[in-house]
Protein backbone atom coordinates (compact mmCIF):
# COMPACT_ATOMS: atom_id res chain seq x y z
CA UNK A 1 237.19 176.02 42.54
CA UNK A 2 233.64 175.63 43.81
CA UNK A 3 231.25 173.37 41.89
CA UNK A 4 227.92 174.95 40.96
CA UNK A 5 225.11 172.45 41.42
CA UNK A 6 221.43 172.70 40.46
CA UNK A 7 219.89 170.82 43.40
CA UNK A 8 220.87 169.46 46.82
CA UNK A 9 219.93 165.97 45.65
CA UNK A 10 222.94 165.94 43.30
CA UNK A 11 225.31 165.63 46.27
CA UNK A 12 223.17 164.73 49.29
CA UNK A 13 223.89 160.99 49.09
CA UNK A 14 227.50 161.74 50.11
CA UNK A 15 226.43 163.04 53.54
CA UNK A 16 224.66 161.60 56.58
CA UNK A 17 223.84 164.96 58.16
CA UNK A 18 223.32 168.59 57.18
CA UNK A 19 224.13 171.64 59.31
CA UNK A 20 221.71 174.13 57.75
CA UNK A 21 221.61 177.89 58.22
CA UNK A 22 218.14 179.41 58.43
CA UNK A 23 217.99 183.08 57.47
CA UNK A 24 218.64 183.45 53.75
CA UNK A 25 218.53 179.69 53.18
CA UNK A 26 215.29 178.27 54.60
CA UNK A 27 213.42 181.56 55.14
CA UNK A 28 213.83 185.28 54.48
CA UNK A 29 212.90 186.52 57.95
CA UNK A 30 209.23 186.64 56.98
CA UNK A 31 208.29 183.41 55.21
CA UNK A 32 209.74 180.03 54.27
CA UNK A 33 211.27 179.20 50.90
CA UNK A 34 209.11 176.31 49.62
CA UNK A 35 211.89 174.77 47.50
CA UNK A 36 214.26 174.73 50.47
CA UNK A 37 211.68 173.08 52.69
CA UNK A 38 210.98 170.45 50.03
CA UNK A 39 214.71 169.71 49.61
CA UNK A 40 215.15 169.15 53.35
CA UNK A 41 212.04 166.98 53.55
CA UNK A 42 213.32 164.86 50.66
CA UNK A 43 216.73 164.50 52.31
CA UNK A 44 215.21 163.38 55.60
CA UNK A 45 212.88 160.94 53.83
CA UNK A 46 215.99 159.19 52.51
CA UNK A 47 217.42 158.82 56.02
CA UNK A 48 219.51 161.98 56.35
CA UNK A 49 219.60 164.08 59.53
CA UNK A 50 218.99 167.83 59.40
CA UNK A 51 220.32 170.08 62.16
CA UNK A 52 219.29 173.71 61.85
CA UNK A 53 222.37 175.66 62.97
CA UNK A 54 221.43 179.27 63.40
CA UNK A 55 222.99 182.44 64.76
CA UNK A 56 219.62 183.43 66.18
CA UNK A 57 220.01 184.74 69.74
CA UNK A 58 216.83 182.88 70.71
CA UNK A 59 216.55 179.53 72.55
CA UNK A 60 215.73 176.63 70.28
CA UNK A 61 212.11 176.38 71.49
CA UNK A 62 211.54 179.97 70.34
CA UNK A 63 213.19 179.26 66.98
CA UNK A 64 211.02 176.16 66.54
CA UNK A 65 207.90 178.27 67.07
CA UNK A 66 209.25 180.91 64.70
CA UNK A 67 209.76 178.23 62.04
CA UNK A 68 206.09 177.24 62.33
CA UNK A 69 205.07 180.89 62.05
CA UNK A 70 207.16 181.24 58.88
CA UNK A 71 205.70 178.05 57.37
CA UNK A 72 208.59 175.64 57.97
CA UNK A 73 207.03 172.29 58.99
CA UNK A 74 208.57 170.11 61.69
CA UNK A 75 209.29 167.31 59.23
CA UNK A 76 211.87 169.52 57.47
CA UNK A 77 214.42 169.08 60.29
CA UNK A 78 215.40 166.89 63.23
CA UNK A 79 216.79 169.35 65.77
CA UNK A 80 218.04 172.91 66.25
CA UNK A 81 221.28 174.42 67.58
CA UNK A 82 221.15 178.16 68.24
CA UNK A 83 223.79 180.72 69.02
CA UNK A 84 221.39 181.93 71.68
CA UNK A 85 221.53 178.63 73.56
CA UNK A 86 225.34 178.60 73.48
CA UNK A 87 225.49 182.22 74.64
CA UNK A 88 222.85 181.73 77.36
CA UNK A 89 224.82 178.81 78.78
CA UNK A 90 227.95 180.97 78.93
CA UNK A 91 226.04 183.86 80.50
CA UNK A 92 224.58 181.66 83.24
CA UNK A 93 228.07 180.33 83.90
CA UNK A 94 229.18 183.89 84.63
CA UNK A 95 231.08 184.71 81.43
CA UNK A 96 230.37 188.45 81.79
CA UNK A 97 229.47 188.66 85.47
CA UNK A 98 226.20 188.77 87.41
CA UNK A 99 225.15 192.34 86.67
CA UNK A 100 224.72 192.77 82.93
CA UNK A 101 223.72 195.57 80.59
CA UNK A 102 221.37 194.17 77.95
CA UNK A 103 221.38 195.28 74.32
CA UNK A 104 218.61 194.11 72.03
CA UNK A 105 214.90 194.39 71.39
CA UNK A 106 213.29 193.82 74.78
CA UNK A 107 210.16 192.01 73.62
CA UNK A 108 211.75 189.93 70.85
CA UNK A 109 214.75 188.85 72.94
CA UNK A 110 212.97 188.29 76.27
CA UNK A 111 213.42 184.51 76.09
CA UNK A 112 217.19 184.91 76.31
CA UNK A 113 216.87 185.49 80.05
CA UNK A 114 214.64 182.52 80.78
CA UNK A 115 216.10 180.30 83.55
CA UNK A 116 218.51 177.63 82.33
CA UNK A 117 217.85 174.55 84.43
CA UNK A 118 220.51 172.33 82.87
CA UNK A 119 223.27 173.99 84.92
CA UNK A 120 224.18 173.41 88.54
CA UNK A 121 224.28 176.67 90.52
CA UNK A 122 223.71 179.06 87.58
CA UNK A 123 224.83 182.65 88.01
CA UNK A 124 222.15 184.97 89.37
CA UNK A 125 221.90 187.27 86.36
CA UNK A 126 220.64 190.79 87.00
CA UNK A 127 219.87 193.27 84.24
CA UNK A 128 221.10 196.72 85.21
CA UNK A 129 222.03 200.09 83.73
CA UNK A 130 225.36 200.35 81.95
CA UNK A 131 226.88 202.38 84.81
CA UNK A 132 226.14 199.49 87.22
CA UNK A 133 227.10 196.64 84.92
CA UNK A 134 229.98 194.15 85.06
CA UNK A 135 229.51 193.13 81.44
CA UNK A 136 227.33 193.47 78.33
CA UNK A 137 224.92 190.92 76.87
CA UNK A 138 224.22 191.80 73.23
CA UNK A 139 221.42 190.05 71.33
CA UNK A 140 221.32 192.84 68.77
CA UNK A 141 220.98 196.61 68.37
CA UNK A 142 218.17 198.51 70.04
CA UNK A 143 217.30 199.75 66.56
CA UNK A 144 218.36 197.32 63.78
CA UNK A 145 218.24 200.13 61.22
CA UNK A 146 220.59 202.45 63.13
CA UNK A 147 224.31 202.61 62.33
CA UNK A 148 226.31 200.68 64.96
CA UNK A 149 228.35 203.85 65.54
CA UNK A 150 225.50 205.25 67.65
CA UNK A 151 226.81 202.96 70.41
CA UNK A 152 230.35 204.33 70.34
CA UNK A 153 230.03 206.50 73.48
CA UNK A 154 228.58 203.64 75.55
CA UNK A 155 231.22 201.27 74.23
CA UNK A 156 234.00 203.67 75.14
CA UNK A 157 232.68 203.78 78.70
CA UNK A 158 232.36 199.98 78.83
CA UNK A 159 235.86 199.47 77.48
CA UNK A 160 237.41 201.77 80.08
CA UNK A 161 235.63 199.72 82.76
CA UNK A 162 237.03 196.48 81.32
CA UNK A 163 233.64 195.02 80.48
CA UNK A 164 233.36 191.97 78.20
CA UNK A 165 230.63 191.90 75.57
CA UNK A 166 228.81 188.59 75.11
CA UNK A 167 227.65 188.44 71.48
CA UNK A 168 224.62 186.17 71.07
CA UNK A 169 224.53 186.52 67.26
CA UNK A 170 227.78 186.97 65.30
CA UNK A 171 225.94 187.86 62.07
CA UNK A 172 226.78 191.35 60.83
CA UNK A 173 223.60 191.87 58.79
CA UNK A 174 220.49 189.97 57.73
CA UNK A 175 217.87 190.64 55.08
CA UNK A 176 214.34 190.67 56.46
CA UNK A 177 212.44 190.38 53.21
CA UNK A 178 213.86 193.24 51.15
CA UNK A 179 215.18 195.20 54.15
CA UNK A 180 218.77 194.81 55.39
CA UNK A 181 219.21 195.04 59.18
CA UNK A 182 222.20 195.23 61.50
CA UNK A 183 222.82 192.32 63.89
CA UNK A 184 224.70 191.87 67.16
CA UNK A 185 227.86 190.88 65.28
CA UNK A 186 228.17 194.41 63.92
CA UNK A 187 228.13 195.80 67.45
CA UNK A 188 230.62 193.22 68.72
CA UNK A 189 232.91 194.01 65.79
CA UNK A 190 232.80 197.71 66.64
CA UNK A 191 233.50 197.01 70.31
CA UNK A 192 236.48 194.85 69.39
CA UNK A 193 237.80 197.49 66.97
CA UNK A 194 237.60 200.00 69.83
CA UNK A 195 239.76 197.77 71.99
CA UNK A 196 237.05 195.97 73.95
CA UNK A 197 236.75 192.19 74.36
CA UNK A 198 233.89 190.42 72.60
CA UNK A 199 232.91 186.80 73.27
CA UNK A 200 231.29 184.90 70.39
CA UNK A 201 229.15 181.73 70.51
CA UNK A 202 227.63 181.41 67.04
CA UNK A 203 229.04 180.65 63.61
CA UNK A 204 231.90 180.65 62.66
CA UNK A 205 233.06 179.99 66.24
CA UNK A 206 233.43 176.50 67.77
CA UNK A 207 230.80 176.63 70.58
CA UNK A 208 227.79 176.40 68.28
CA UNK A 209 229.31 173.51 66.33
CA UNK A 210 230.00 171.70 69.60
CA UNK A 211 226.33 172.23 70.45
CA UNK A 212 225.22 170.96 67.03
CA UNK A 213 227.26 167.78 67.52
CA UNK A 214 225.74 167.32 70.99
CA UNK A 215 222.31 167.64 69.40
CA UNK A 216 223.28 164.83 67.00
CA UNK A 217 224.46 162.70 69.91
CA UNK A 218 221.14 163.30 71.67
CA UNK A 219 219.45 161.83 68.59
CA UNK A 220 221.63 158.73 68.93
CA UNK A 221 223.78 159.72 65.95
CA UNK A 222 227.57 159.59 65.79
CA UNK A 223 228.49 161.18 62.47
CA UNK A 224 232.10 162.00 61.48
CA UNK A 225 233.01 165.36 60.00
CA UNK A 226 233.50 164.02 56.47
CA UNK A 227 229.84 162.91 56.45
CA UNK A 228 228.45 166.36 57.40
CA UNK A 229 227.62 169.14 54.92
CA UNK A 230 227.31 172.73 56.11
CA UNK A 231 224.84 174.88 54.18
CA UNK A 232 224.57 178.67 54.39
CA UNK A 233 224.66 182.06 52.69
CA UNK A 234 227.19 183.77 54.96
CA UNK A 235 230.77 183.45 53.71
CA UNK A 236 232.28 184.72 56.96
CA UNK A 237 229.94 182.71 59.20
CA UNK A 238 228.62 179.58 57.50
CA UNK A 239 231.47 178.87 55.10
CA UNK A 240 234.38 179.95 57.32
CA UNK A 241 232.74 178.01 60.14
CA UNK A 242 232.49 174.85 58.06
CA UNK A 243 236.11 175.23 56.99
CA UNK A 244 237.18 175.53 60.62
CA UNK A 245 235.25 172.38 61.51
CA UNK A 246 236.71 170.48 58.55
CA UNK A 247 233.31 169.84 57.02
CA UNK A 248 232.28 170.37 53.41
CA UNK A 249 230.02 173.32 52.58
CA UNK A 250 227.33 174.39 50.14
CA UNK A 251 227.26 178.15 49.60
CA UNK A 252 223.81 179.66 48.96
CA UNK A 253 224.72 182.55 46.66
CA UNK A 254 221.23 184.07 46.38
CA UNK A 255 221.20 185.23 50.00
CA UNK A 256 223.49 187.92 51.40
CA UNK A 257 225.77 187.79 48.35
CA UNK A 258 223.10 187.80 45.64
CA UNK A 259 224.28 191.10 44.17
CA UNK A 260 228.00 190.32 44.31
CA UNK A 261 227.57 186.88 42.74
CA UNK A 262 225.03 188.17 40.19
CA UNK A 263 222.59 185.47 41.27
CA UNK A 264 219.17 185.28 39.69
CA UNK A 265 218.34 181.58 39.44
CA UNK A 266 222.02 180.62 39.62
CA UNK A 267 225.23 182.60 40.25
CA UNK A 268 227.34 183.96 37.45
CA UNK A 269 230.43 181.70 37.49
CA UNK A 270 232.92 184.51 36.98
CA UNK A 271 231.31 186.77 39.60
CA UNK A 272 231.13 183.86 42.04
CA UNK A 273 234.79 183.02 41.52
CA UNK A 274 235.82 186.62 42.14
CA UNK A 275 233.62 186.87 45.21
CA UNK A 276 234.85 183.76 47.00
CA UNK A 277 238.43 184.76 46.25
CA UNK A 278 237.78 188.20 47.77
CA UNK A 279 236.13 186.62 50.82
CA UNK A 280 238.96 184.07 51.08
CA UNK A 281 236.58 181.12 51.38
CA UNK A 282 236.46 177.79 49.59
CA UNK A 283 233.04 176.15 49.58
CA UNK A 284 233.03 172.79 47.84
CA UNK A 285 229.65 173.55 46.25
CA UNK A 286 227.50 176.57 45.37
CA UNK A 287 223.87 177.05 44.34
CA UNK A 288 221.58 180.02 43.82
CA UNK A 289 218.96 178.91 46.35
CA UNK A 290 218.54 175.80 48.45
CA UNK A 291 216.36 173.43 46.44
């Protein structure tokens, strides 16, 4: 049974590092949550390390700038691990071929195709039409409000050609303010259901956690799993991911699952219990919002 806590500080002394989700935990896609920022600043002031672990398809430099734009100061975290960086590395190693069909919002996701100079002999990636492609790179839908089914015809063609789909963001949906939007994970799920092969690099899959641990190492930190706490609002991404990595987790119930857990300031205990049983997850701790 998950333990409902009232503040991160109740349990933070047990952990040397936090793997913290962004959307729904630290910001709402528009602006930062002041209480969450303050909690992370307090944790770092006591010597803890904060790694922002996000399914954003962007490189970490772009996410860092986005955090400033949203009002998240640099003293709220130590480093960032993004699904985008994991996926970009795989793409430039040829995971879906040289000629790729890109899915996403061209202007917002432009940084995904910036050169990756940490690799020897990176693949010469060329963006082409679907009929010329060897594989698909998916940072998200062309229209985040459109039902993923609008891609069914293209996916059928891609599947018959044996194309792999590289998913740069396994999230199914996010809430941008009060508006719920589809993410790349919804498209990858559809492609898989249709018999295609999707490759994932964000939570809950191992590559992004490997990257997060490398980010810790780059800071000169060697922290065992039992001393890391994963924090997030996605049961099938953040919490399942933490379970797979054998790290404890703090479930933010006021994010994606606010309605199901009847969260206002805090979740309703009975609703929360039913929800985590339905989702088949077992977070050690839960809280309405990160604070």
